[in-house]
C-alpha atoms as a PDB file:
ATOM      1  CA  MET A   1      40.854 -83.931-165.284  1.00  0.00           C
ATOM      2  CA  ASN A   2      37.660 -85.917-165.028  1.00  0.00           C
ATOM      3  CA  ALA A   3      34.859 -83.334-165.005  1.00  0.00           C
ATOM      4  CA  ALA A   4      32.623 -85.693-163.038  1.00  0.00           C
ATOM      5  CA  GLN A   5      35.129 -86.440-160.274  1.00  0.00           C
ATOM      6  CA  GLY A   6      37.283 -83.325-159.888  1.00  0.00           C
ATOM      7  CA  THR A   7      40.334 -85.114-158.471  1.00  0.00           C
ATOM      8  CA  VAL A   8      43.389 -86.764-159.910  1.00  0.00           C
ATOM      9  CA  GLY A   9      44.472 -89.693-157.756  1.00  0.00           C
ATOM     10  CA  SER A  10      44.497 -88.534-154.140  1.00  0.00           C
ATOM     11  CA  ASP A  11      45.454 -84.931-154.949  1.00  0.00           C
ATOM     12  CA  PRO A  12      42.666 -82.335-154.837  1.00  0.00           C
ATOM     13  CA  VAL A  13      41.939 -80.059-157.747  1.00  0.00           C
ATOM     14  CA  ILE A  14      42.822 -76.458-156.986  1.00  0.00           C
ATOM     15  CA  LEU A  15      40.515 -73.815-158.472  1.00  0.00           C
ATOM     16  CA  ALA A  16      40.656 -70.236-157.211  1.00  0.00           C
ATOM     17  CA  THR A  17      38.990 -67.121-158.604  1.00  0.00           C
ATOM     18  CA  ALA A  18      39.270 -63.431-157.726  1.00  0.00           C
ATOM     19  CA  GLY A  19      37.159 -60.444-158.653  1.00  0.00           C
ATOM     20  CA  TYR A  20      36.225 -56.813-158.206  1.00  0.00           C
ATOM     21  CA  ASP A  21      34.266 -57.723-155.073  1.00  0.00           C
ATOM     22  CA  HIS A  22      37.582 -57.937-153.180  1.00  0.00           C
ATOM     23  CA  THR A  23      37.304 -61.670-152.585  1.00  0.00           C
ATOM     24  CA  VAL A  24      39.293 -64.739-153.559  1.00  0.00           C
ATOM     25  CA  ARG A  25      37.143 -67.875-153.698  1.00  0.00           C
ATOM     26  CA  PHE A  26      38.261 -71.513-153.644  1.00  0.00           C
ATOM     27  CA  TRP A  27      36.035 -74.096-155.327  1.00  0.00           C
ATOM     28  CA  GLN A  28      35.388 -77.778-155.687  1.00  0.00           C
ATOM     29  CA  ALA A  29      35.887 -77.910-159.427  1.00  0.00           C
ATOM     30  CA  HIS A  30      33.731 -81.005-159.893  1.00  0.00           C
ATOM     31  CA  SER A  31      30.695 -79.734-157.967  1.00  0.00           C
ATOM     32  CA  GLY A  32      30.834 -75.950-158.319  1.00  0.00           C
ATOM     33  CA  ILE A  33      30.676 -75.548-154.528  1.00  0.00           C
ATOM     34  CA  CYS A  34      32.685 -72.709-152.982  1.00  0.00           C
ATOM     35  CA  THR A  35      34.685 -74.124-150.085  1.00  0.00           C
ATOM     36  CA  ARG A  36      36.427 -70.982-148.864  1.00  0.00           C
ATOM     37  CA  THR A  37      36.243 -67.224-149.327  1.00  0.00           C
ATOM     38  CA  VAL A  38      39.111 -64.870-148.499  1.00  0.00           C
ATOM     39  CA  GLN A  39      38.374 -61.164-148.149  1.00  0.00           C
ATOM     40  CA  HIS A  40      41.012 -58.618-149.093  1.00  0.00           C
ATOM     41  CA  GLN A  41      41.028 -54.834-149.216  1.00  0.00           C
ATOM     42  CA  ASP A  42      43.391 -54.388-152.147  1.00  0.00           C
ATOM     43  CA  SER A  43      41.635 -54.580-155.481  1.00  0.00           C
ATOM     44  CA  VAL A  44      42.594 -57.376-157.865  1.00  0.00           C
ATOM     45  CA  SER A  45      41.301 -55.324-160.771  1.00  0.00           C
ATOM     46  CA  PHE A  46      43.264 -53.475-163.421  1.00  0.00           C
ATOM     47  CA  PRO A  47      43.401 -49.710-162.784  1.00  0.00           C
ATOM     48  CA  GLY A  48      42.283 -47.908-165.919  1.00  0.00           C
ATOM     49  CA  ARG A  49      39.511 -46.102-167.709  1.00  0.00           C
ATOM     50  CA  SER A  50      36.025 -47.380-168.304  1.00  0.00           C
ATOM     51  CA  GLY A  51      35.837 -49.796-171.203  1.00  0.00           C
ATOM     52  CA  GLY A  52      32.095 -50.250-171.557  1.00  0.00           C
ATOM     53  CA  ALA A  53      29.831 -53.089-170.507  1.00  0.00           C
ATOM     54  CA  GLY A  54      30.695 -52.326-166.903  1.00  0.00           C
ATOM     55  CA  SER A  55      34.293 -53.444-167.375  1.00  0.00           C
ATOM     56  CA  PRO A  56      37.398 -51.284-167.039  1.00  0.00           C
ATOM     57  CA  ARG A  57      39.858 -50.865-169.821  1.00  0.00           C
ATOM     58  CA  PRO A  58      42.991 -53.029-169.532  1.00  0.00           C
ATOM     59  CA  GLY A  59      45.520 -51.182-167.463  1.00  0.00           C
ATOM     60  CA  PRO A  60      48.841 -51.694-165.691  1.00  0.00           C
ATOM     61  CA  ARG A  61      49.179 -54.232-162.908  1.00  0.00           C
ATOM     62  CA  HIS A  62      52.480 -52.863-161.569  1.00  0.00           C
ATOM     63  CA  ARG A  63      52.974 -49.203-160.669  1.00  0.00           C
ATOM     64  CA  LEU A  64      56.121 -49.234-158.574  1.00  0.00           C
ATOM     65  CA  ARG A  65      59.032 -46.868-159.089  1.00  0.00           C
ATOM     66  CA  SER A  66      62.771 -47.252-158.796  1.00  0.00           C
ATOM     67  CA  ASP A  67      66.018 -46.486-160.598  1.00  0.00           C
ATOM     68  CA  LEU A  68      67.995 -49.040-162.556  1.00  0.00           C
ATOM     69  CA  ASN A  69      69.886 -48.956-165.823  1.00  0.00           C
ATOM     70  CA  ALA A  70      69.990 -52.351-167.507  1.00  0.00           C
ATOM     71  CA  PRO A  71      71.824 -52.927-170.792  1.00  0.00           C
ATOM     72  CA  ALA A  72      69.582 -53.862-173.688  1.00  0.00           C
ATOM     73  CA  ARG A  73      70.093 -55.577-177.032  1.00  0.00           C
ATOM     74  CA  SER A  74      67.875 -55.252-180.069  1.00  0.00           C
ATOM     75  CA  ARG A  75      66.815 -58.071-182.350  1.00  0.00           C
ATOM     76  CA  THR A  76      64.595 -58.285-185.410  1.00  0.00           C
ATOM     77  CA  ALA A  77      61.211 -59.158-183.994  1.00  0.00           C
ATOM     78  CA  TRP A  78      58.992 -59.338-187.046  1.00  0.00           C
ATOM     79  CA  PRO A  79      59.232 -58.671-190.770  1.00  0.00           C
ATOM     80  CA  ALA A  80      58.526 -55.035-191.531  1.00  0.00           C
ATOM     81  CA  SER A  81      55.291 -54.052-193.250  1.00  0.00           C
ATOM     82  CA  GLY A  82      55.235 -55.267-196.836  1.00  0.00           C
ATOM     83  CA  THR A  83      57.175 -58.476-196.152  1.00  0.00           C
ATOM     84  CA  SER A  84      56.000 -61.871-194.970  1.00  0.00           C
ATOM     85  CA  GLY A  85      54.091 -61.385-191.744  1.00  0.00           C
ATOM     86  CA  GLY A  86      53.448 -57.677-192.254  1.00  0.00           C
ATOM     87  CA  HIS A  87      54.127 -56.590-188.646  1.00  0.00           C
ATOM     88  CA  GLY A  88      56.082 -53.762-187.123  1.00  0.00           C
ATOM     89  CA  PRO A  89      59.830 -53.955-186.529  1.00  0.00           C
ATOM     90  CA  LEU A  90      61.610 -54.458-183.247  1.00  0.00           C
ATOM     91  CA  ARG A  91      63.330 -51.449-181.715  1.00  0.00           C
ATOM     92  CA  PRO A  92      65.762 -51.028-178.838  1.00  0.00           C
ATOM     93  CA  PRO A  93      64.423 -49.364-175.680  1.00  0.00           C
ATOM     94  CA  GLY A  94      63.943 -45.625-176.135  1.00  0.00           C
ATOM     95  CA  ALA A  95      63.883 -45.803-179.930  1.00  0.00           C
ATOM     96  CA  ALA A  96      62.352 -42.971-181.904  1.00  0.00           C
ATOM     97  CA  GLY A  97      58.702 -43.280-182.789  1.00  0.00           C
ATOM     98  CA  LEU A  98      57.538 -44.510-179.413  1.00  0.00           C
ATOM     99  CA  GLY A  99      57.145 -41.038-177.927  1.00  0.00           C
ATOM    100  CA  PRO A 100      58.465 -39.705-174.624  1.00  0.00           C
ATOM    101  CA  ARG A 101      58.326 -41.901-171.528  1.00  0.00           C
ATOM    102  CA  PRO A 102      58.682 -39.535-168.570  1.00  0.00           C
ATOM    103  CA  GLN A 103      57.883 -42.192-165.946  1.00  0.00           C
ATOM    104  CA  THR A 104      59.458 -45.594-165.452  1.00  0.00           C
ATOM    105  CA  ARG A 105      57.817 -48.779-164.237  1.00  0.00           C
ATOM    106  CA  PRO A 106      60.052 -51.528-162.818  1.00  0.00           C
ATOM    107  CA  PHE A 107      59.189 -55.176-162.355  1.00  0.00           C
ATOM    108  CA  LEU A 108      60.334 -56.522-158.984  1.00  0.00           C
ATOM    109  CA  PRO A 109      60.866 -60.302-158.825  1.00  0.00           C
ATOM    110  CA  VAL A 110      61.159 -62.051-155.476  1.00  0.00           C
ATOM    111  CA  CYS A 111      62.783 -65.303-154.446  1.00  0.00           C
ATOM    112  CA  PRO A 112      60.031 -67.988-154.376  1.00  0.00           C
ATOM    113  CA  ARG A 113      62.059 -70.253-152.087  1.00  0.00           C
ATOM    114  CA  SER A 114      62.321 -67.654-149.346  1.00  0.00           C
ATOM    115  CA  ARG A 115      59.722 -67.280-146.620  1.00  0.00           C
ATOM    116  CA  ASN A 116      60.533 -63.565-146.392  1.00  0.00           C
ATOM    117  CA  LEU A 117      59.774 -62.748-150.064  1.00  0.00           C
ATOM    118  CA  GLN A 118      62.663 -60.328-150.439  1.00  0.00           C
ATOM    119  CA  CYS A 119      63.268 -58.464-153.685  1.00  0.00           C
ATOM    120  CA  GLN A 120      66.164 -60.040-155.589  1.00  0.00           C
ATOM    121  CA  ARG A 121      66.321 -57.963-158.796  1.00  0.00           C
ATOM    122  CA  ILE A 122      64.753 -54.854-160.289  1.00  0.00           C
ATOM    123  CA  PHE A 123      63.924 -54.634-163.983  1.00  0.00           C
ATOM    124  CA  GLN A 124      62.931 -51.162-165.096  1.00  0.00           C
ATOM    125  CA  VAL A 125      60.934 -50.327-168.189  1.00  0.00           C
ATOM    126  CA  ASN A 126      59.508 -47.045-169.450  1.00  0.00           C
ATOM    127  CA  ALA A 127      55.804 -47.856-169.321  1.00  0.00           C
ATOM    128  CA  PRO A 128      53.341 -49.566-166.960  1.00  0.00           C
ATOM    129  CA  ILE A 129      53.779 -53.349-166.895  1.00  0.00           C
ATOM    130  CA  ASN A 130      50.734 -55.463-167.784  1.00  0.00           C
ATOM    131  CA  CYS A 131      52.025 -59.042-167.761  1.00  0.00           C
ATOM    132  CA  VAL A 132      54.976 -61.292-166.941  1.00  0.00           C
ATOM    133  CA  CYS A 133      55.793 -64.850-168.012  1.00  0.00           C
ATOM    134  CA  LEU A 134      58.663 -67.081-166.867  1.00  0.00           C
ATOM    135  CA  HIS A 135      60.384 -69.098-169.602  1.00  0.00           C
ATOM    136  CA  PRO A 136      60.356 -72.868-168.899  1.00  0.00           C
ATOM    137  CA  ASN A 137      64.163 -72.678-168.707  1.00  0.00           C
ATOM    138  CA  GLN A 138      63.685 -70.662-165.467  1.00  0.00           C
ATOM    139  CA  ALA A 139      66.330 -68.192-166.682  1.00  0.00           C
ATOM    140  CA  GLU A 140      64.385 -65.636-168.717  1.00  0.00           C
ATOM    141  CA  LEU A 141      61.397 -63.436-167.939  1.00  0.00           C
ATOM    142  CA  ILE A 142      59.088 -62.121-170.639  1.00  0.00           C
ATOM    143  CA  VAL A 143      57.543 -58.756-169.702  1.00  0.00           C
ATOM    144  CA  GLY A 144      54.760 -56.988-171.653  1.00  0.00           C
ATOM    145  CA  ASP A 145      54.020 -53.297-171.170  1.00  0.00           C
ATOM    146  CA  GLN A 146      51.468 -50.673-172.083  1.00  0.00           C
ATOM    147  CA  SER A 147      53.644 -49.033-174.752  1.00  0.00           C
ATOM    148  CA  GLY A 148      53.406 -52.172-176.904  1.00  0.00           C
ATOM    149  CA  ALA A 149      56.841 -53.525-175.991  1.00  0.00           C
ATOM    150  CA  ILE A 150      57.736 -57.093-175.019  1.00  0.00           C
ATOM    151  CA  HIS A 151      60.954 -57.341-173.014  1.00  0.00           C
ATOM    152  CA  ILE A 152      63.032 -60.532-172.816  1.00  0.00           C
ATOM    153  CA  TRP A 153      65.042 -60.288-169.605  1.00  0.00           C
ATOM    154  CA  ASP A 154      67.951 -62.710-169.152  1.00  0.00           C
ATOM    155  CA  LEU A 155      68.152 -63.301-165.405  1.00  0.00           C
ATOM    156  CA  LYS A 156      71.655 -64.761-165.637  1.00  0.00           C
ATOM    157  CA  THR A 157      73.273 -61.828-167.438  1.00  0.00           C
ATOM    158  CA  ASP A 158      70.773 -59.066-166.555  1.00  0.00           C
ATOM    159  CA  HIS A 159      70.624 -58.126-170.243  1.00  0.00           C
ATOM    160  CA  ASN A 160      67.350 -57.602-172.061  1.00  0.00           C
ATOM    161  CA  GLU A 161      65.982 -57.375-175.567  1.00  0.00           C
ATOM    162  CA  GLN A 162      62.789 -55.742-176.759  1.00  0.00           C
ATOM    163  CA  LEU A 163      60.103 -56.713-179.274  1.00  0.00           C
ATOM    164  CA  ILE A 164      57.507 -54.234-180.511  1.00  0.00           C
ATOM    165  CA  PRO A 165      54.886 -56.000-182.641  1.00  0.00           C
ATOM    166  CA  GLU A 166      52.590 -52.929-182.668  1.00  0.00           C
ATOM    167  CA  PRO A 167      53.949 -49.616-181.338  1.00  0.00           C
ATOM    168  CA  GLU A 168      51.696 -47.879-178.801  1.00  0.00           C
ATOM    169  CA  VAL A 169      49.270 -50.840-178.622  1.00  0.00           C
ATOM    170  CA  SER A 170      49.226 -52.259-175.096  1.00  0.00           C
ATOM    171  CA  VAL A 171      50.471 -55.839-174.682  1.00  0.00           C
ATOM    172  CA  ASN A 172      48.018 -57.421-172.236  1.00  0.00           C
ATOM    173  CA  SER A 173      49.301 -61.003-171.970  1.00  0.00           C
ATOM    174  CA  VAL A 174      52.302 -63.127-172.934  1.00  0.00           C
ATOM    175  CA  HIS A 175      52.763 -66.881-172.575  1.00  0.00           C
ATOM    176  CA  ILE A 176      55.251 -69.602-173.541  1.00  0.00           C
ATOM    177  CA  ASP A 177      54.088 -73.178-174.085  1.00  0.00           C
ATOM    178  CA  PRO A 178      55.468 -75.911-171.783  1.00  0.00           C
ATOM    179  CA  ASP A 179      57.633 -77.326-174.582  1.00  0.00           C
ATOM    180  CA  ALA A 180      59.217 -73.882-175.129  1.00  0.00           C
ATOM    181  CA  SER A 181      58.357 -74.165-178.823  1.00  0.00           C
ATOM    182  CA  TYR A 182      56.133 -71.080-179.069  1.00  0.00           C
ATOM    183  CA  MET A 183      55.618 -67.700-177.458  1.00  0.00           C
ATOM    184  CA  ALA A 184      52.314 -65.857-177.878  1.00  0.00           C
ATOM    185  CA  ALA A 185      51.281 -62.295-177.057  1.00  0.00           C
ATOM    186  CA  VAL A 186      47.930 -60.528-177.325  1.00  0.00           C
ATOM    187  CA  ASN A 187      47.223 -56.803-177.377  1.00  0.00           C
ATOM    188  CA  SER A 188      44.497 -54.197-177.195  1.00  0.00           C
ATOM    189  CA  SER A 189      43.958 -54.330-180.960  1.00  0.00           C
ATOM    190  CA  GLY A 190      42.692 -57.896-180.534  1.00  0.00           C
ATOM    191  CA  ASN A 191      45.679 -59.347-182.347  1.00  0.00           C
ATOM    192  CA  CYS A 192      47.640 -62.419-181.274  1.00  0.00           C
ATOM    193  CA  TYR A 193      51.286 -62.735-182.298  1.00  0.00           C
ATOM    194  CA  VAL A 194      53.104 -66.058-182.226  1.00  0.00           C
ATOM    195  CA  TRP A 195      56.849 -66.711-182.400  1.00  0.00           C
ATOM    196  CA  ASN A 196      58.838 -69.934-182.746  1.00  0.00           C
ATOM    197  CA  LEU A 197      61.452 -70.312-180.013  1.00  0.00           C
ATOM    198  CA  THR A 198      64.915 -71.774-180.444  1.00  0.00           C
ATOM    199  CA  GLY A 199      67.877 -71.964-178.095  1.00  0.00           C
ATOM    200  CA  GLY A 200      67.424 -71.080-174.444  1.00  0.00           C
ATOM    201  CA  ILE A 201      69.394 -74.126-173.266  1.00  0.00           C
ATOM    202  CA  GLY A 202      72.528 -73.735-171.159  1.00  0.00           C
ATOM    203  CA  GLU A 203      74.331 -70.538-172.151  1.00  0.00           C
ATOM    204  CA  GLU A 204      72.494 -70.290-175.465  1.00  0.00           C
ATOM    205  CA  VAL A 205      70.252 -67.231-175.722  1.00  0.00           C
ATOM    206  CA  THR A 206      66.616 -67.788-176.706  1.00  0.00           C
ATOM    207  CA  GLN A 207      65.902 -66.730-180.284  1.00  0.00           C
ATOM    208  CA  LEU A 208      62.426 -65.684-181.450  1.00  0.00           C
ATOM    209  CA  ILE A 209      61.368 -66.307-185.039  1.00  0.00           C
ATOM    210  CA  PRO A 210      58.056 -64.746-186.188  1.00  0.00           C
ATOM    211  CA  LYS A 211      55.501 -67.473-186.833  1.00  0.00           C
ATOM    212  CA  THR A 212      52.097 -65.885-187.447  1.00  0.00           C
ATOM    213  CA  LYS A 213      49.779 -63.001-186.640  1.00  0.00           C
ATOM    214  CA  ILE A 214      46.200 -63.972-185.784  1.00  0.00           C
ATOM    215  CA  PRO A 215      43.441 -61.323-185.950  1.00  0.00           C
ATOM    216  CA  ALA A 216      41.898 -63.141-183.012  1.00  0.00           C
ATOM    217  CA  HIS A 217      39.327 -60.665-181.705  1.00  0.00           C
ATOM    218  CA  ASN A 218      37.590 -57.451-182.716  1.00  0.00           C
ATOM    219  CA  ARG A 219      38.030 -55.871-179.271  1.00  0.00           C
ATOM    220  CA  TYR A 220      40.716 -55.920-176.579  1.00  0.00           C
ATOM    221  CA  ALA A 221      42.478 -59.264-176.270  1.00  0.00           C
ATOM    222  CA  LEU A 222      43.087 -59.778-172.552  1.00  0.00           C
ATOM    223  CA  GLN A 223      44.726 -63.183-172.058  1.00  0.00           C
ATOM    224  CA  CYS A 224      46.551 -65.931-173.928  1.00  0.00           C
ATOM    225  CA  LYS A 225      47.373 -69.401-172.586  1.00  0.00           C
ATOM    226  CA  PHE A 226      48.883 -72.521-174.150  1.00  0.00           C
ATOM    227  CA  SER A 227      47.547 -75.906-173.137  1.00  0.00           C
ATOM    228  CA  PRO A 228      49.752 -78.263-171.072  1.00  0.00           C
ATOM    229  CA  ASP A 229      50.259 -80.551-174.099  1.00  0.00           C
ATOM    230  CA  SER A 230      51.256 -77.535-176.258  1.00  0.00           C
ATOM    231  CA  THR A 231      48.680 -78.423-178.933  1.00  0.00           C
ATOM    232  CA  LEU A 232      46.248 -75.571-178.192  1.00  0.00           C
ATOM    233  CA  LEU A 233      46.305 -71.822-177.600  1.00  0.00           C
ATOM    234  CA  ALA A 234      43.433 -69.969-175.918  1.00  0.00           C
ATOM    235  CA  THR A 235      42.782 -66.225-176.200  1.00  0.00           C
ATOM    236  CA  CYS A 236      40.259 -64.227-174.132  1.00  0.00           C
ATOM    237  CA  SER A 237      38.735 -60.908-175.089  1.00  0.00           C
ATOM    238  CA  ALA A 238      36.432 -58.020-174.355  1.00  0.00           C
ATOM    239  CA  ASP A 239      34.303 -59.325-177.258  1.00  0.00           C
ATOM    240  CA  GLN A 240      32.787 -61.850-174.795  1.00  0.00           C
ATOM    241  CA  THR A 241      34.604 -64.852-176.274  1.00  0.00           C
ATOM    242  CA  CYS A 242      37.431 -67.223-175.506  1.00  0.00           C
ATOM    243  CA  LYS A 243      38.831 -68.741-178.693  1.00  0.00           C
ATOM    244  CA  ILE A 244      40.881 -71.926-178.862  1.00  0.00           C
ATOM    245  CA  TRP A 245      43.408 -72.334-181.674  1.00  0.00           C
ATOM    246  CA  ARG A 246      45.295 -75.409-182.893  1.00  0.00           C
ATOM    247  CA  THR A 247      49.049 -74.858-182.667  1.00  0.00           C
ATOM    248  CA  SER A 248      49.600 -77.222-185.598  1.00  0.00           C
ATOM    249  CA  ASN A 249      48.439 -74.499-188.001  1.00  0.00           C
ATOM    250  CA  PHE A 250      46.880 -71.867-185.672  1.00  0.00           C
ATOM    251  CA  SER A 251      43.429 -72.399-187.114  1.00  0.00           C
ATOM    252  CA  LEU A 252      40.363 -71.809-184.956  1.00  0.00           C
ATOM    253  CA  MET A 253      39.157 -74.962-183.212  1.00  0.00           C
ATOM    254  CA  THR A 254      36.461 -73.771-180.787  1.00  0.00           C
ATOM    255  CA  GLU A 255      34.835 -70.469-179.847  1.00  0.00           C
ATOM    256  CA  LEU A 256      33.474 -70.212-176.310  1.00  0.00           C
ATOM    257  CA  SER A 257      31.005 -67.366-176.012  1.00  0.00           C
ATOM    258  CA  ILE A 258      29.001 -65.751-173.217  1.00  0.00           C
ATOM    259  CA  LYS A 259      27.098 -63.562-175.686  1.00  0.00           C
ATOM    260  CA  SER A 260      23.373 -63.596-175.056  1.00  0.00           C
ATOM    261  CA  ASN A 261      20.964 -64.905-177.684  1.00  0.00           C
ATOM    262  CA  ASN A 262      18.254 -62.714-176.195  1.00  0.00           C
ATOM    263  CA  PRO A 263      18.056 -59.416-178.132  1.00  0.00           C
ATOM    264  CA  GLY A 264      16.721 -57.666-175.044  1.00  0.00           C
ATOM    265  CA  GLU A 265      19.557 -58.741-172.744  1.00  0.00           C
ATOM    266  CA  THR A 266      22.475 -56.396-172.197  1.00  0.00           C
ATOM    267  CA  SER A 267      26.101 -57.424-172.632  1.00  0.00           C
ATOM    268  CA  ARG A 268      27.462 -59.971-170.171  1.00  0.00           C
ATOM    269  CA  GLY A 269      30.839 -58.283-170.242  1.00  0.00           C
ATOM    270  CA  TRP A 270      34.352 -59.462-170.914  1.00  0.00           C
ATOM    271  CA  MET A 271      36.136 -62.822-170.824  1.00  0.00           C
ATOM    272  CA  TRP A 272      39.097 -61.902-168.629  1.00  0.00           C
ATOM    273  CA  ASP A 273      41.114 -65.038-167.949  1.00  0.00           C
ATOM    274  CA  CYS A 274      41.364 -68.757-168.640  1.00  0.00           C
ATOM    275  CA  ALA A 275      43.274 -71.893-167.647  1.00  0.00           C
ATOM    276  CA  PHE A 276      43.426 -75.397-169.147  1.00  0.00           C
ATOM    277  CA  SER A 277      43.040 -78.625-167.228  1.00  0.00           C
ATOM    278  CA  GLY A 278      46.082 -80.868-166.976  1.00  0.00           C
ATOM    279  CA  ASP A 279      44.848 -83.163-169.761  1.00  0.00           C
ATOM    280  CA  SER A 280      44.059 -80.170-172.043  1.00  0.00           C
ATOM    281  CA  GLN A 281      40.471 -81.392-172.494  1.00  0.00           C
ATOM    282  CA  TYR A 282      38.804 -78.725-170.353  1.00  0.00           C
ATOM    283  CA  ILE A 283      39.250 -75.001-169.801  1.00  0.00           C
ATOM    284  CA  VAL A 284      38.043 -72.651-167.049  1.00  0.00           C
ATOM    285  CA  THR A 285      37.179 -69.032-167.876  1.00  0.00           C
ATOM    286  CA  ALA A 286      36.568 -65.908-165.784  1.00  0.00           C
ATOM    287  CA  SER A 287      34.167 -63.218-166.967  1.00  0.00           C
ATOM    288  CA  SER A 288      32.488 -59.926-166.111  1.00  0.00           C
ATOM    289  CA  ASP A 289      29.082 -61.521-165.455  1.00  0.00           C
ATOM    290  CA  ASN A 290      30.399 -62.628-162.024  1.00  0.00           C
ATOM    291  CA  LEU A 291      30.881 -66.245-163.150  1.00  0.00           C
ATOM    292  CA  ALA A 292      33.674 -68.706-163.788  1.00  0.00           C
ATOM    293  CA  ARG A 293      32.832 -71.568-166.137  1.00  0.00           C
ATOM    294  CA  LEU A 294      34.264 -74.993-166.910  1.00  0.00           C
ATOM    295  CA  TRP A 295      34.029 -75.865-170.622  1.00  0.00           C
ATOM    296  CA  CYS A 296      34.727 -78.922-172.731  1.00  0.00           C
ATOM    297  CA  VAL A 297      37.402 -77.829-175.200  1.00  0.00           C
ATOM    298  CA  GLU A 298      36.294 -80.077-178.037  1.00  0.00           C
ATOM    299  CA  THR A 299      32.547 -79.411-177.950  1.00  0.00           C
ATOM    300  CA  GLY A 300      32.400 -75.956-176.350  1.00  0.00           C
ATOM    301  CA  GLU A 301      29.827 -77.266-173.862  1.00  0.00           C
ATOM    302  CA  ILE A 302      29.611 -75.665-170.413  1.00  0.00           C
ATOM    303  CA  LYS A 303      30.160 -78.372-167.784  1.00  0.00           C
ATOM    304  CA  ARG A 304      30.046 -76.267-164.599  1.00  0.00           C
ATOM    305  CA  GLU A 305      29.349 -72.711-163.501  1.00  0.00           C
ATOM    306  CA  TYR A 306      30.940 -71.232-160.393  1.00  0.00           C
ATOM    307  CA  SER A 307      28.579 -68.626-158.943  1.00  0.00           C
ATOM    308  CA  GLY A 308      29.273 -66.568-155.837  1.00  0.00           C
ATOM    309  CA  HIS A 309      31.208 -63.443-156.769  1.00  0.00           C
ATOM    310  CA  GLN A 310      29.211 -60.228-156.521  1.00  0.00           C
ATOM    311  CA  LYS A 311      31.205 -58.427-159.197  1.00  0.00           C
ATOM    312  CA  ALA A 312      33.294 -59.290-162.254  1.00  0.00           C
ATOM    313  CA  VAL A 313      35.659 -62.279-162.000  1.00  0.00           C
ATOM    314  CA  VAL A 314      38.913 -61.084-163.555  1.00  0.00           C
ATOM    315  CA  CYS A 315      41.502 -63.781-162.784  1.00  0.00           C
ATOM    316  CA  LEU A 316      41.758 -67.431-161.801  1.00  0.00           C
ATOM    317  CA  ALA A 317      44.168 -70.229-160.962  1.00  0.00           C
ATOM    318  CA  PHE A 318      43.470 -73.856-161.841  1.00  0.00           C
ATOM    319  CA  ASN A 319      45.609 -76.919-161.188  1.00  0.00           C
ATOM    320  CA  ASP A 320      44.408 -80.514-161.466  1.00  0.00           C
ATOM    321  CA  SER A 321      47.805 -82.079-162.149  1.00  0.00           C
ATOM    322  CA  VAL A 322      49.285 -84.745-159.878  1.00  0.00           C
ATOM    323  CA  LEU A 323      51.851 -83.204-157.571  1.00  0.00           C
ATOM    324  CA  GLY A 324      55.138 -85.049-157.467  1.00  0.00           C
END
């Protein structure tokens, strides 16, 4: 993306934001002008308890109910405490130590090629679902829930496996890079876990190998996103920052902060969401101070602010890639 032009070739840049004010807004990314506002009655926010600074605590995004028994496999997710990595073990669904789960929360995928959006499959888990990510192979879904579990659902076989990096710590976001080399997950402890991915081609099942644990934030981590070129990983948090990490060694490259330098100014709230530009040189963030911002990744400079929401901006979509 060229921050001064806002278009790639003849294709327009698509930037949309949504917030607690029950609106979805579409923007000219290069000018910061809102071109369209869509009102909706259903909240886009996360149901949950108050989390301070006027922002709610991360909560489930899916609260549907159904009945389905899907077979599950277990796999070693991370070295146990005391070994390299120092993270909790993986357990099969329903394993001891996770506590009772009296209610179930299914994820309901639909067929994207159908105009009728009919439910094709039901995947049931034992806790509210916070996030879902589709593997680039289009055959596996990664599902994160509030109990701290990450489910790998094979759409071809209907089997699933479960990772538990931190029991009882809500997984708020999961993402796989476009090259399918890494998977990242962030949780309410502020930690970011990264796995190497192998397999996942043809009939071969995807294998996850623990790579690193990053103590990314000192409050809730809310979102993680890899850049289109797979060289960067961004994490957003309730600590008012979005941090960008190099995937070459997962060192911190840039910290984007909305913290005020004025001692008398109250907190500006949380950094909820982010999305990279197609060339990985820019990133857009959504935050509780009613603004979305366009930043330069390398310098951390704010290039644009998108002002118009009356309440917190909690999610966004950004696409400046040429459509084939």
